[in-house]
Amino acid sequence: MKKIVGMTLALISSGSAYARQEVTVVEAKSLSDDRQVTLMGTISGRANDDHYLISRKARVSGKVDRDDGYSEINVDRVYIVK
Protein backbone atom coordinates (compact mmCIF):
# COMPACT_ATOMS: atom_id res chain seq x y z
CA MET A 1 0.00 0.00 0.00
CA LYS A 2 2.80 2.45 0.89
CA LYS A 3 4.55 1.70 -2.43
CA ILE A 4 1.40 2.52 -4.42
CA VAL A 5 0.89 5.82 -2.59
CA GLY A 6 4.58 6.71 -3.04
CA MET A 7 4.52 5.93 -6.76
CA THR A 8 1.29 7.89 -7.23
CA LEU A 9 2.78 10.93 -5.50
CA ALA A 10 5.94 10.63 -7.60
CA LEU A 11 3.91 10.48 -10.82
CA ILE A 12 1.78 13.46 -9.82
CA SER A 13 4.88 15.45 -8.88
CA SER A 14 6.70 14.64 -12.11
CA GLY A 15 3.62 15.50 -14.20
CA SER A 16 3.13 18.89 -12.58
CA ALA A 17 6.85 19.66 -12.88
CA TYR A 18 6.71 18.98 -16.61
CA ALA A 19 3.60 21.12 -17.02
CA ARG A 20 5.62 24.10 -15.83
CA GLN A 21 8.53 23.38 -18.17
CA GLU A 22 8.86 25.88 -20.99
CA VAL A 23 8.99 24.57 -24.57
CA THR A 24 9.53 26.24 -27.92
CA VAL A 25 6.77 26.63 -30.49
CA VAL A 26 8.44 23.96 -32.64
CA GLU A 27 8.50 21.55 -29.68
CA ALA A 28 4.86 22.33 -28.80
CA LYS A 29 3.77 21.55 -32.36
CA SER A 30 5.25 18.06 -32.09
CA LEU A 31 3.62 17.18 -28.74
CA SER A 32 0.50 15.08 -28.39
CA ASP A 33 -3.01 16.49 -28.04
CA ASP A 34 -3.99 17.81 -24.57
CA ARG A 35 -0.35 18.02 -23.40
CA GLN A 36 0.29 20.85 -20.89
CA VAL A 37 2.82 23.39 -22.17
CA THR A 38 4.27 26.78 -21.30
CA LEU A 39 5.63 29.09 -23.99
CA MET A 40 7.55 32.35 -23.66
CA GLY A 41 7.11 35.15 -26.18
CA THR A 42 5.81 38.64 -27.00
CA ILE A 43 2.22 39.21 -28.01
CA SER A 44 2.89 40.73 -31.42
CA GLY A 45 -0.58 40.68 -32.93
CA ARG A 46 -4.15 39.50 -32.78
CA ALA A 47 -5.63 37.25 -35.45
CA ASN A 48 -9.18 37.34 -34.04
CA ASP A 49 -11.04 37.20 -30.70
CA ASP A 50 -9.45 33.87 -29.74
CA HIS A 51 -6.10 33.84 -31.56
CA TYR A 52 -2.94 35.85 -30.83
CA LEU A 53 0.53 35.84 -32.36
CA ILE A 54 3.33 35.58 -29.80
CA SER A 55 7.04 36.34 -30.12
CA ARG A 56 8.37 37.55 -26.64
CA LYS A 57 7.83 39.05 -23.18
CA ALA A 58 4.78 36.99 -22.18
CA ARG A 59 4.49 33.50 -20.69
CA VAL A 60 1.47 31.45 -21.74
CA SER A 61 0.36 28.14 -20.24
CA GLY A 62 -2.24 25.82 -21.70
CA LYS A 63 -2.91 22.60 -23.58
CA VAL A 64 -1.91 21.55 -27.08
CA ASP A 65 -4.94 21.21 -29.37
CA ARG A 66 -4.24 19.19 -32.53
CA ASP A 67 -7.05 19.19 -35.04
CA ASP A 68 -7.13 18.65 -38.83
CA GLY A 69 -3.34 18.89 -39.13
CA TYR A 70 -3.08 22.18 -37.20
CA SER A 71 -1.66 22.71 -33.72
CA GLU A 72 -2.91 25.42 -31.37
CA ILE A 73 -2.50 26.15 -27.68
CA ASN A 74 -5.71 26.47 -25.66
CA VAL A 75 -4.42 29.05 -23.20
CA ASP A 76 -5.37 28.83 -19.53
CA ARG A 77 -3.12 31.63 -18.25
CA VAL A 78 -1.10 34.55 -19.57
CA TYR A 79 1.70 36.09 -17.50
CA ILE A 80 3.28 39.39 -18.52
CA VAL A 81 7.07 39.18 -18.03
CA LYS A 82 8.88 42.38 -17.09
PDB file of N, CA and C in Angstrom:
ATOM      1  N   MET A   1       0.818  -1.193   0.000  1.00  0.00           N
ATOM      2  CA  MET A   1       0.000   0.000   0.000  1.00  0.00           C
ATOM      3  C   MET A   1       0.862   1.256   0.000  1.00  0.00           C
ATOM      4  N   LYS A   2       1.925   1.279   0.830  1.00  0.00           N
ATOM      5  CA  LYS A   2       2.799   2.445   0.888  1.00  0.00           C
ATOM      6  C   LYS A   2       3.510   2.673  -0.443  1.00  0.00           C
ATOM      7  N   LYS A   3       3.876   1.568  -1.128  1.00  0.00           N
ATOM      8  CA  LYS A   3       4.548   1.697  -2.426  1.00  0.00           C
ATOM      9  C   LYS A   3       3.626   2.357  -3.448  1.00  0.00           C
ATOM     10  N   ILE A   4       2.361   1.964  -3.459  1.00  0.00           N
ATOM     11  CA  ILE A   4       1.403   2.523  -4.421  1.00  0.00           C
ATOM     12  C   ILE A   4       1.220   4.012  -4.175  1.00  0.00           C
ATOM     13  N   VAL A   5       1.061   4.406  -2.921  1.00  0.00           N
ATOM     14  CA  VAL A   5       0.894   5.818  -2.595  1.00  0.00           C
ATOM     15  C   VAL A   5       2.137   6.595  -2.990  1.00  0.00           C
ATOM     16  N   GLY A   6       3.325   6.045  -2.687  1.00  0.00           N
ATOM     17  CA  GLY A   6       4.583   6.706  -3.043  1.00  0.00           C
ATOM     18  C   GLY A   6       4.734   6.880  -4.538  1.00  0.00           C
ATOM     19  N   MET A   7       4.415   5.845  -5.307  1.00  0.00           N
ATOM     20  CA  MET A   7       4.516   5.930  -6.763  1.00  0.00           C
ATOM     21  C   MET A   7       3.508   6.916  -7.330  1.00  0.00           C
ATOM     22  N   THR A   8       2.296   6.946  -6.774  1.00  0.00           N
ATOM     23  CA  THR A   8       1.287   7.892  -7.233  1.00  0.00           C
ATOM     24  C   THR A   8       1.742   9.318  -6.992  1.00  0.00           C
ATOM     25  N   LEU A   9       2.276   9.590  -5.805  1.00  0.00           N
ATOM     26  CA  LEU A   9       2.776  10.932  -5.504  1.00  0.00           C
ATOM     27  C   LEU A   9       3.940  11.305  -6.425  1.00  0.00           C
ATOM     28  N   ALA A  10       4.813  10.366  -6.701  1.00  0.00           N
ATOM     29  CA  ALA A  10       5.936  10.628  -7.600  1.00  0.00           C
ATOM     30  C   ALA A  10       5.443  10.956  -9.001  1.00  0.00           C
ATOM     31  N   LEU A  11       4.460  10.208  -9.486  1.00  0.00           N
ATOM     32  CA  LEU A  11       3.911  10.476 -10.816  1.00  0.00           C
ATOM     33  C   LEU A  11       3.211  11.822 -10.875  1.00  0.00           C
ATOM     34  N   ILE A  12       2.457  12.164  -9.848  1.00  0.00           N
ATOM     35  CA  ILE A  12       1.779  13.461  -9.815  1.00  0.00           C
ATOM     36  C   ILE A  12       2.804  14.575  -9.790  1.00  0.00           C
ATOM     37  N   SER A  13       3.840  14.431  -8.985  1.00  0.00           N
ATOM     38  CA  SER A  13       4.878  15.451  -8.884  1.00  0.00           C
ATOM     39  C   SER A  13       5.614  15.623 -10.199  1.00  0.00           C
ATOM     40  N   SER A  14       5.962  14.534 -10.852  1.00  0.00           N
ATOM     41  CA  SER A  14       6.697  14.637 -12.109  1.00  0.00           C
ATOM     42  C   SER A  14       5.817  15.234 -13.200  1.00  0.00           C
ATOM     43  N   GLY A  15       4.529  14.936 -13.198  1.00  0.00           N
ATOM     44  CA  GLY A  15       3.624  15.503 -14.197  1.00  0.00           C
ATOM     45  C   GLY A  15       3.452  16.990 -14.027  1.00  0.00           C
ATOM     46  N   SER A  16       3.305  17.465 -12.796  1.00  0.00           N
ATOM     47  CA  SER A  16       3.130  18.892 -12.583  1.00  0.00           C
ATOM     48  C   SER A  16       4.424  19.642 -12.842  1.00  0.00           C
ATOM     49  N   ALA A  17       5.570  19.013 -12.591  1.00  0.00           N
ATOM     50  CA  ALA A  17       6.847  19.660 -12.880  1.00  0.00           C
ATOM     51  C   ALA A  17       7.000  19.852 -14.378  1.00  0.00           C
ATOM     52  N   TYR A  18       6.605  18.851 -15.165  1.00  0.00           N
ATOM     53  CA  TYR A  18       6.711  18.982 -16.615  1.00  0.00           C
ATOM     54  C   TYR A  18       5.761  20.051 -17.143  1.00  0.00           C
ATOM     55  N   ALA A  19       4.588  20.149 -16.553  1.00  0.00           N
ATOM     56  CA  ALA A  19       3.599  21.118 -17.016  1.00  0.00           C
ATOM     57  C   ALA A  19       4.148  22.531 -16.927  1.00  0.00           C
ATOM     58  N   ARG A  20       5.050  22.775 -15.986  1.00  0.00           N
ATOM     59  CA  ARG A  20       5.624  24.100 -15.828  1.00  0.00           C
ATOM     60  C   ARG A  20       6.856  24.301 -16.685  1.00  0.00           C
ATOM     61  N   GLN A  21       7.333  23.282 -17.350  1.00  0.00           N
ATOM     62  CA  GLN A  21       8.533  23.377 -18.173  1.00  0.00           C
ATOM     63  C   GLN A  21       8.217  24.147 -19.451  1.00  0.00           C
ATOM     64  N   GLU A  22       9.067  25.111 -19.765  1.00  0.00           N
ATOM     65  CA  GLU A  22       8.861  25.878 -20.992  1.00  0.00           C
ATOM     66  C   GLU A  22       9.350  25.090 -22.202  1.00  0.00           C
ATOM     67  N   VAL A  23       8.607  25.193 -23.305  1.00  0.00           N
ATOM     68  CA  VAL A  23       8.989  24.566 -24.568  1.00  0.00           C
ATOM     69  C   VAL A  23       8.957  25.622 -25.661  1.00  0.00           C
ATOM     70  N   THR A  24       9.597  25.336 -26.774  1.00  0.00           N
ATOM     71  CA  THR A  24       9.535  26.241 -27.921  1.00  0.00           C
ATOM     72  C   THR A  24       8.266  25.954 -28.715  1.00  0.00           C
ATOM     73  N   VAL A  25       7.937  26.834 -29.631  1.00  0.00           N
ATOM     74  CA  VAL A  25       6.765  26.627 -30.488  1.00  0.00           C
ATOM     75  C   VAL A  25       6.952  25.361 -31.318  1.00  0.00           C
ATOM     76  N   VAL A  26       8.155  25.154 -31.835  1.00  0.00           N
ATOM     77  CA  VAL A  26       8.438  23.958 -32.638  1.00  0.00           C
ATOM     78  C   VAL A  26       8.223  22.696 -31.798  1.00  0.00           C
ATOM     79  N   GLU A  27       8.700  22.701 -30.549  1.00  0.00           N
ATOM     80  CA  GLU A  27       8.499  21.547 -29.676  1.00  0.00           C
ATOM     81  C   GLU A  27       7.019  21.341 -29.370  1.00  0.00           C
ATOM     82  N   ALA A  28       6.290  22.427 -29.110  1.00  0.00           N
ATOM     83  CA  ALA A  28       4.859  22.331 -28.798  1.00  0.00           C
ATOM     84  C   ALA A  28       4.081  21.733 -29.964  1.00  0.00           C
ATOM     85  N   LYS A  29       4.461  22.082 -31.180  1.00  0.00           N
ATOM     86  CA  LYS A  29       3.772  21.552 -32.360  1.00  0.00           C
ATOM     87  C   LYS A  29       3.927  20.044 -32.492  1.00  0.00           C
ATOM     88  N   SER A  30       5.008  19.497 -31.951  1.00  0.00           N
ATOM     89  CA  SER A  30       5.253  18.059 -32.093  1.00  0.00           C
ATOM     90  C   SER A  30       4.676  17.243 -30.937  1.00  0.00           C
ATOM     91  N   LEU A  31       4.154  17.896 -29.892  1.00  0.00           N
ATOM     92  CA  LEU A  31       3.622  17.181 -28.737  1.00  0.00           C
ATOM     93  C   LEU A  31       2.218  16.650 -29.011  1.00  0.00           C
ATOM     94  N   SER A  32       1.822  15.694 -28.207  1.00  0.00           N
ATOM     95  CA  SER A  32       0.503  15.082 -28.389  1.00  0.00           C
ATOM     96  C   SER A  32      -0.618  16.016 -27.927  1.00  0.00           C
ATOM     97  N   ASP A  33      -1.816  15.724 -28.378  1.00  0.00           N
ATOM     98  CA  ASP A  33      -3.009  16.489 -28.036  1.00  0.00           C
ATOM     99  C   ASP A  33      -3.218  16.499 -26.522  1.00  0.00           C
ATOM    100  N   ASP A  34      -3.682  17.616 -25.993  1.00  0.00           N
ATOM    101  CA  ASP A  34      -3.991  17.807 -24.568  1.00  0.00           C
ATOM    102  C   ASP A  34      -2.764  17.825 -23.665  1.00  0.00           C
ATOM    103  N   ARG A  35      -1.569  17.940 -24.204  1.00  0.00           N
ATOM    104  CA  ARG A  35      -0.347  18.016 -23.396  1.00  0.00           C
ATOM    105  C   ARG A  35      -0.206  19.420 -22.833  1.00  0.00           C
ATOM    106  N   GLN A  36       0.090  19.543 -21.534  1.00  0.00           N
ATOM    107  CA  GLN A  36       0.289  20.848 -20.891  1.00  0.00           C
ATOM    108  C   GLN A  36       1.615  21.442 -21.351  1.00  0.00           C
ATOM    109  N   VAL A  37       1.606  22.710 -21.735  1.00  0.00           N
ATOM    110  CA  VAL A  37       2.825  23.391 -22.170  1.00  0.00           C
ATOM    111  C   VAL A  37       2.864  24.813 -21.628  1.00  0.00           C
ATOM    112  N   THR A  38       4.067  25.374 -21.603  1.00  0.00           N
ATOM    113  CA  THR A  38       4.272  26.783 -21.301  1.00  0.00           C
ATOM    114  C   THR A  38       5.213  27.326 -22.363  1.00  0.00           C
ATOM    115  N   LEU A  39       4.821  28.437 -22.969  1.00  0.00           N
ATOM    116  CA  LEU A  39       5.628  29.095 -23.991  1.00  0.00           C
ATOM    117  C   LEU A  39       5.987  30.492 -23.519  1.00  0.00           C
ATOM    118  N   MET A  40       7.129  31.003 -23.979  1.00  0.00           N
ATOM    119  CA  MET A  40       7.546  32.354 -23.656  1.00  0.00           C
ATOM    120  C   MET A  40       7.627  33.137 -24.951  1.00  0.00           C
ATOM    121  N   GLY A  41       7.066  34.334 -24.977  1.00  0.00           N
ATOM    122  CA  GLY A  41       7.109  35.153 -26.177  1.00  0.00           C
ATOM    123  C   GLY A  41       6.498  36.524 -25.968  1.00  0.00           C
ATOM    124  N   THR A  42       6.438  37.325 -27.020  1.00  0.00           N
ATOM    125  CA  THR A  42       5.810  38.639 -26.995  1.00  0.00           C
ATOM    126  C   THR A  42       4.514  38.552 -27.767  1.00  0.00           C
ATOM    127  N   ILE A  43       3.470  39.145 -27.249  1.00  0.00           N
ATOM    128  CA  ILE A  43       2.225  39.205 -28.013  1.00  0.00           C
ATOM    129  C   ILE A  43       2.447  40.261 -29.084  1.00  0.00           C
ATOM    130  N   SER A  44       2.558  39.823 -30.332  1.00  0.00           N
ATOM    131  CA  SER A  44       2.888  40.733 -31.424  1.00  0.00           C
ATOM    132  C   SER A  44       1.706  41.059 -32.318  1.00  0.00           C
ATOM    133  N   GLY A  45       0.588  40.394 -32.112  1.00  0.00           N
ATOM    134  CA  GLY A  45      -0.578  40.678 -32.931  1.00  0.00           C
ATOM    135  C   GLY A  45      -1.766  39.844 -32.518  1.00  0.00           C
ATOM    136  N   ARG A  46      -2.908  40.203 -33.074  1.00  0.00           N
ATOM    137  CA  ARG A  46      -4.150  39.495 -32.778  1.00  0.00           C
ATOM    138  C   ARG A  46      -4.787  39.057 -34.090  1.00  0.00           C
ATOM    139  N   ALA A  47      -5.014  37.768 -34.228  1.00  0.00           N
ATOM    140  CA  ALA A  47      -5.628  37.248 -35.450  1.00  0.00           C
ATOM    141  C   ALA A  47      -7.147  37.417 -35.417  1.00  0.00           C
ATOM    142  N   ASN A  48      -7.750  37.141 -34.249  1.00  0.00           N
ATOM    143  CA  ASN A  48      -9.184  37.340 -34.041  1.00  0.00           C
ATOM    144  C   ASN A  48      -9.450  37.298 -32.542  1.00  0.00           C
ATOM    145  N   ASP A  49     -10.701  37.166 -32.133  1.00  0.00           N
ATOM    146  CA  ASP A  49     -11.038  37.200 -30.704  1.00  0.00           C
ATOM    147  C   ASP A  49     -10.338  36.127 -29.879  1.00  0.00           C
ATOM    148  N   ASP A  50     -10.026  34.994 -30.478  1.00  0.00           N
ATOM    149  CA  ASP A  50      -9.452  33.874 -29.737  1.00  0.00           C
ATOM    150  C   ASP A  50      -8.007  33.547 -30.096  1.00  0.00           C
ATOM    151  N   HIS A  51      -7.429  34.210 -31.073  1.00  0.00           N
ATOM    152  CA  HIS A  51      -6.099  33.845 -31.556  1.00  0.00           C
ATOM    153  C   HIS A  51      -5.153  35.042 -31.530  1.00  0.00           C
ATOM    154  N   TYR A  52      -3.968  34.819 -30.918  1.00  0.00           N
ATOM    155  CA  TYR A  52      -2.942  35.851 -30.826  1.00  0.00           C
ATOM    156  C   TYR A  52      -1.635  35.308 -31.379  1.00  0.00           C
ATOM    157  N   LEU A  53      -0.798  36.200 -31.885  1.00  0.00           N
ATOM    158  CA  LEU A  53       0.530  35.840 -32.356  1.00  0.00           C
ATOM    159  C   LEU A  53       1.516  36.235 -31.262  1.00  0.00           C
ATOM    160  N   ILE A  54       2.424  35.327 -30.915  1.00  0.00           N
ATOM    161  CA  ILE A  54       3.328  35.576 -29.799  1.00  0.00           C
ATOM    162  C   ILE A  54       4.771  35.463 -30.260  1.00  0.00           C
ATOM    163  N   SER A  55       5.616  36.440 -29.872  1.00  0.00           N
ATOM    164  CA  SER A  55       7.039  36.340 -30.124  1.00  0.00           C
ATOM    165  C   SER A  55       7.909  36.499 -28.879  1.00  0.00           C
ATOM    166  N   ARG A  56       7.554  37.400 -27.862  1.00  0.00           N
ATOM    167  CA  ARG A  56       8.368  37.554 -26.639  1.00  0.00           C
ATOM    168  C   ARG A  56       7.645  38.287 -25.539  1.00  0.00           C
ATOM    169  N   LYS A  57       8.226  38.284 -24.351  1.00  0.00           N
ATOM    170  CA  LYS A  57       7.827  39.047 -23.177  1.00  0.00           C
ATOM    171  C   LYS A  57       6.516  38.637 -22.510  1.00  0.00           C
ATOM    172  N   ALA A  58       5.970  37.513 -22.857  1.00  0.00           N
ATOM    173  CA  ALA A  58       4.782  36.990 -22.181  1.00  0.00           C
ATOM    174  C   ALA A  58       4.976  35.487 -22.008  1.00  0.00           C
ATOM    175  N   ARG A  59       4.435  34.941 -20.928  1.00  0.00           N
ATOM    176  CA  ARG A  59       4.486  33.497 -20.690  1.00  0.00           C
ATOM    177  C   ARG A  59       3.050  32.992 -20.745  1.00  0.00           C
ATOM    178  N   VAL A  60       2.810  32.012 -21.602  1.00  0.00           N
ATOM    179  CA  VAL A  60       1.465  31.449 -21.744  1.00  0.00           C
ATOM    180  C   VAL A  60       1.492  29.974 -21.379  1.00  0.00           C
ATOM    181  N   SER A  61       0.480  29.545 -20.627  1.00  0.00           N
ATOM    182  CA  SER A  61       0.357  28.145 -20.240  1.00  0.00           C
ATOM    183  C   SER A  61      -0.986  27.625 -20.716  1.00  0.00           C
ATOM    184  N   GLY A  62      -0.997  26.418 -21.235  1.00  0.00           N
ATOM    185  CA  GLY A  62      -2.241  25.821 -21.703  1.00  0.00           C
ATOM    186  C   GLY A  62      -2.007  24.428 -22.239  1.00  0.00           C
ATOM    187  N   LYS A  63      -2.969  23.952 -23.029  1.00  0.00           N
ATOM    188  CA  LYS A  63      -2.910  22.603 -23.585  1.00  0.00           C
ATOM    189  C   LYS A  63      -2.780  22.663 -25.100  1.00  0.00           C
ATOM    190  N   VAL A  64      -2.034  21.705 -25.629  1.00  0.00           N
ATOM    191  CA  VAL A  64      -1.913  21.552 -27.076  1.00  0.00           C
ATOM    192  C   VAL A  64      -3.234  21.035 -27.615  1.00  0.00           C
ATOM    193  N   ASP A  65      -3.707  21.652 -28.704  1.00  0.00           N
ATOM    194  CA  ASP A  65      -4.936  21.211 -29.368  1.00  0.00           C
ATOM    195  C   ASP A  65      -4.586  20.904 -30.813  1.00  0.00           C
ATOM    196  N   ARG A  66      -4.557  19.621 -31.154  1.00  0.00           N
ATOM    197  CA  ARG A  66      -4.236  19.192 -32.526  1.00  0.00           C
ATOM    198  C   ARG A  66      -5.526  18.793 -33.212  1.00  0.00           C
ATOM    199  N   ASP A  67      -5.813  19.459 -34.334  1.00  0.00           N
ATOM    200  CA  ASP A  67      -7.055  19.189 -35.045  1.00  0.00           C
ATOM    201  C   ASP A  67      -6.855  19.463 -36.529  1.00  0.00           C
ATOM    202  N   ASP A  68      -7.214  18.510 -37.370  1.00  0.00           N
ATOM    203  CA  ASP A  68      -7.133  18.650 -38.833  1.00  0.00           C
ATOM    204  C   ASP A  68      -5.750  19.091 -39.312  1.00  0.00           C
ATOM    205  N   GLY A  69      -4.691  18.574 -38.693  1.00  0.00           N
ATOM    206  CA  GLY A  69      -3.338  18.885 -39.127  1.00  0.00           C
ATOM    207  C   GLY A  69      -2.774  20.185 -38.575  1.00  0.00           C
ATOM    208  N   TYR A  70      -3.535  20.918 -37.789  1.00  0.00           N
ATOM    209  CA  TYR A  70      -3.076  22.177 -37.198  1.00  0.00           C
ATOM    210  C   TYR A  70      -2.859  21.992 -35.707  1.00  0.00           C
ATOM    211  N   SER A  71      -1.906  22.724 -35.163  1.00  0.00           N
ATOM    212  CA  SER A  71      -1.663  22.711 -33.725  1.00  0.00           C
ATOM    213  C   SER A  71      -1.905  24.097 -33.165  1.00  0.00           C
ATOM    214  N   GLU A  72      -2.647  24.167 -32.067  1.00  0.00           N
ATOM    215  CA  GLU A  72      -2.908  25.416 -31.370  1.00  0.00           C
ATOM    216  C   GLU A  72      -2.680  25.171 -29.886  1.00  0.00           C
ATOM    217  N   ILE A  73      -2.586  26.248 -29.129  1.00  0.00           N
ATOM    218  CA  ILE A  73      -2.504  26.147 -27.683  1.00  0.00           C
ATOM    219  C   ILE A  73      -3.780  26.754 -27.116  1.00  0.00           C
ATOM    220  N   ASN A  74      -4.550  25.954 -26.384  1.00  0.00           N
ATOM    221  CA  ASN A  74      -5.710  26.471 -25.663  1.00  0.00           C
ATOM    222  C   ASN A  74      -5.180  27.043 -24.357  1.00  0.00           C
ATOM    223  N   VAL A  75      -5.094  28.366 -24.297  1.00  0.00           N
ATOM    224  CA  VAL A  75      -4.416  29.046 -23.198  1.00  0.00           C
ATOM    225  C   VAL A  75      -5.295  29.125 -21.956  1.00  0.00           C
ATOM    226  N   ASP A  76      -4.704  28.720 -20.823  1.00  0.00           N
ATOM    227  CA  ASP A  76      -5.365  28.828 -19.532  1.00  0.00           C
ATOM    228  C   ASP A  76      -4.944  30.114 -18.821  1.00  0.00           C
ATOM    229  N   ARG A  77      -3.662  30.470 -18.950  1.00  0.00           N
ATOM    230  CA  ARG A  77      -3.122  31.634 -18.247  1.00  0.00           C
ATOM    231  C   ARG A  77      -2.104  32.372 -19.095  1.00  0.00           C
ATOM    232  N   VAL A  78      -2.088  33.696 -18.919  1.00  0.00           N
ATOM    233  CA  VAL A  78      -1.099  34.554 -19.569  1.00  0.00           C
ATOM    234  C   VAL A  78      -0.408  35.354 -18.470  1.00  0.00           C
ATOM    235  N   TYR A  79       0.912  35.326 -18.471  1.00  0.00           N
ATOM    236  CA  TYR A  79       1.700  36.089 -17.503  1.00  0.00           C
ATOM    237  C   TYR A  79       2.536  37.113 -18.276  1.00  0.00           C
ATOM    238  N   ILE A  80       2.458  38.360 -17.895  1.00  0.00           N
ATOM    239  CA  ILE A  80       3.282  39.392 -18.520  1.00  0.00           C
ATOM    240  C   ILE A  80       4.636  39.376 -17.811  1.00  0.00           C
ATOM    241  N   VAL A  81       5.712  39.255 -18.576  1.00  0.00           N
ATOM    242  CA  VAL A  81       7.069  39.181 -18.032  1.00  0.00           C
ATOM    243  C   VAL A  81       7.707  40.561 -18.168  1.00  0.00           C
ATOM    244  N   LYS A  82       8.241  41.050 -17.073  1.00  0.00           N
ATOM    245  CA  LYS A  82       8.875  42.384 -17.086  1.00  0.00           C
ATOM    246  C   LYS A  82      10.361  42.287 -17.246  1.00  0.00           C
TER     247      LYS A  82
END
